Amino acid sequence: MAPKATLFDALKTLRDECGFDLLVDITCVDYLNYRDAVDRFGLIYLLASTVTNERLTLRVFLNEPDLNVPSAVPLWEGANWMEREVWDMFGIRFDGHPDLRRILLPEEFMAFPLRKDYPLQGRGERHNLPVLTRNRS
């Protein structure tokens, strides 16, 4: 676990001094309504060492309204799309990201559908999306 204020330095140290040279994934968990949960969101970094085959999980906990963390793109280029996906689905902002925009949903989509408070049936967005059909020839 790392405090948000030291996240970038922790990731840099893990990469440069501890040999965790591969960022496997960045994901998020919404702990809304979890019994005993203190924080709303858990941001999870999965790291690996390609030399020692060790793996490490680093967690950072966040609460609204301060859902900003530093981007890991300066450390791993592959963080680019991972951070965009977490932004798109959960609304976690990555400060310093070179292109933080939606990656799965249309830009005009106004919600974050993997949050626990997002209704299962949606909020009527389907009616605003274009219908795509496949030409069968």
Protein backbone atom coordinates (compact mmCIF):
# COMPACT_ATOMS: atom_id res chain seq x y z
CA MET A 1 0.00 0.00 0.00
CA ALA A 2 1.28 3.47 -0.84
CA PRO A 3 -0.03 6.89 0.14
CA LYS A 4 -1.25 8.89 -2.83
CA ALA A 5 1.35 11.62 -2.22
CA THR A 6 4.23 9.18 -2.73
CA LEU A 7 2.71 6.97 -5.45
CA PHE A 8 4.92 8.11 -8.33
CA ASP A 9 8.09 7.86 -6.24
CA ALA A 10 7.06 4.40 -5.01
CA LEU A 11 6.47 3.17 -8.56
CA LYS A 12 9.78 4.66 -9.73
CA THR A 13 11.66 3.02 -6.86
CA LEU A 14 10.00 -0.34 -7.54
CA ARG A 15 11.01 -0.09 -11.20
CA ASP A 16 14.53 1.33 -10.85
CA GLU A 17 15.78 -0.14 -7.58
CA CYS A 18 13.73 -3.29 -7.04
CA GLY A 19 13.65 -4.61 -10.59
CA PHE A 20 9.90 -4.50 -11.25
CA ASP A 21 10.39 -3.57 -14.89
CA LEU A 22 6.98 -4.63 -16.21
CA LEU A 23 3.65 -2.95 -15.51
CA VAL A 24 1.18 -5.79 -15.98
CA ASP A 25 -2.06 -3.92 -15.28
CA ILE A 26 -3.74 -1.02 -13.54
CA THR A 27 -7.26 -1.60 -12.31
CA CYS A 28 -9.68 -0.21 -9.76
CA VAL A 29 -12.16 -1.50 -7.20
CA ASP A 30 -15.16 0.48 -5.98
CA TYR A 31 -15.66 -0.33 -2.29
CA LEU A 32 -19.01 1.46 -1.99
CA ASN A 33 -21.19 -0.43 0.53
CA TYR A 34 -18.41 -2.86 1.46
CA ARG A 35 -18.60 -3.63 5.15
CA ASP A 36 -15.53 -2.28 6.98
CA ALA A 37 -14.30 -0.33 3.93
CA VAL A 38 -12.76 2.99 4.90
CA ASP A 39 -12.09 4.30 1.39
CA ARG A 40 -14.31 4.43 -1.69
CA PHE A 41 -11.81 3.37 -4.37
CA GLY A 42 -8.78 1.12 -4.46
CA LEU A 43 -6.43 1.71 -7.36
CA ILE A 44 -4.35 -1.40 -7.99
CA TYR A 45 -1.02 -1.62 -9.81
CA LEU A 46 0.21 -5.09 -10.79
CA LEU A 47 3.98 -5.17 -11.36
CA ALA A 48 6.36 -7.94 -12.37
CA SER A 49 10.08 -8.52 -12.68
CA THR A 50 11.02 -10.16 -15.97
CA VAL A 51 14.37 -11.15 -14.43
CA THR A 52 13.28 -12.81 -11.17
CA ASN A 53 9.69 -13.65 -12.17
CA GLU A 54 8.45 -11.98 -8.98
CA ARG A 55 5.13 -10.16 -8.87
CA LEU A 56 3.98 -7.31 -6.70
CA THR A 57 0.63 -5.64 -6.10
CA LEU A 58 0.58 -1.99 -5.03
CA ARG A 59 -2.66 -0.43 -3.80
CA VAL A 60 -3.59 3.21 -3.39
CA PHE A 61 -6.87 4.18 -1.75
CA LEU A 62 -8.87 7.22 -2.86
CA ASN A 63 -11.98 9.08 -1.82
CA GLU A 64 -14.21 11.59 -3.54
CA PRO A 65 -13.85 14.37 -4.44
CA ASP A 66 -10.06 13.94 -4.72
CA LEU A 67 -9.76 11.18 -7.32
CA ASN A 68 -6.47 12.30 -8.87
CA VAL A 69 -3.17 10.42 -8.92
CA PRO A 70 0.02 10.98 -10.91
CA SER A 71 0.27 9.20 -14.24
CA ALA A 72 2.62 6.24 -14.58
CA VAL A 73 3.10 6.88 -18.31
CA PRO A 74 6.52 8.54 -17.76
CA LEU A 75 7.65 5.24 -16.18
CA TRP A 76 5.88 2.75 -18.46
CA GLU A 77 4.46 3.76 -21.85
CA GLY A 78 2.03 0.85 -21.54
CA ALA A 79 0.26 2.67 -18.70
CA ASN A 80 -1.30 4.94 -21.32
CA TRP A 81 -4.25 2.77 -22.25
CA MET A 82 -4.55 1.20 -18.79
CA GLU A 83 -5.03 4.62 -17.21
CA ARG A 84 -7.48 5.64 -19.92
CA GLU A 85 -9.57 2.55 -19.18
CA VAL A 86 -9.63 3.26 -15.43
CA TRP A 87 -10.58 6.90 -16.17
CA ASP A 88 -13.32 5.76 -18.56
CA MET A 89 -14.89 3.21 -16.23
CA PHE A 90 -14.29 4.71 -12.74
CA GLY A 91 -13.48 8.42 -13.19
CA ILE A 92 -10.01 8.29 -11.61
CA ARG A 93 -7.92 11.11 -13.13
CA PHE A 94 -4.24 10.58 -13.90
CA ASP A 95 -2.40 13.90 -13.63
CA GLY A 96 0.20 14.38 -16.35
CA HIS A 97 -1.31 11.75 -18.66
CA PRO A 98 -0.54 12.71 -22.29
CA ASP A 99 -4.01 11.88 -23.67
CA LEU A 100 -6.56 11.24 -20.92
CA ARG A 101 -9.79 10.71 -22.81
CA ARG A 102 -12.31 7.94 -23.01
CA ILE A 103 -11.08 4.74 -24.62
CA LEU A 104 -14.16 2.47 -24.58
CA LEU A 105 -17.11 4.85 -24.40
CA PRO A 106 -18.05 7.89 -26.49
CA GLU A 107 -16.52 11.19 -25.33
CA GLU A 108 -19.96 12.62 -24.55
CA PHE A 109 -20.77 9.78 -22.12
CA MET A 110 -21.33 11.52 -18.78
CA ALA A 111 -20.95 8.71 -16.23
CA PHE A 112 -18.55 6.01 -15.06
CA PRO A 113 -20.32 2.65 -15.49
CA LEU A 114 -18.15 0.42 -13.27
CA ARG A 115 -18.89 2.49 -10.18
CA LYS A 116 -21.20 0.69 -7.76
CA ASP A 117 -23.65 3.61 -7.74
CA TYR A 118 -24.18 3.40 -11.50
CA PRO A 119 -27.62 1.85 -12.21
CA LEU A 120 -27.59 -1.63 -13.76
CA GLN A 121 -30.04 -0.55 -16.45
CA GLY A 122 -28.00 2.55 -17.26
CA ARG A 123 -29.29 6.10 -17.31
CA GLY A 124 -30.81 6.13 -20.77
CA GLU A 125 -27.52 6.44 -22.62
CA ARG A 126 -28.39 3.69 -25.07
CA HIS A 127 -30.95 5.95 -26.72
CA ASN A 128 -28.24 8.51 -27.51
CA LEU A 129 -25.80 6.07 -29.13
CA PRO A 130 -25.86 5.43 -32.88
CA VAL A 131 -27.11 2.05 -34.03
CA LEU A 132 -24.36 0.15 -35.80
CA THR A 133 -25.29 -2.58 -38.23
CA ARG A 134 -23.16 -5.05 -40.10
CA ASN A 135 -23.42 -5.29 -43.85
CA ARG A 136 -23.75 -8.94 -44.75
CA SER A 137 -22.75 -9.57 -48.33
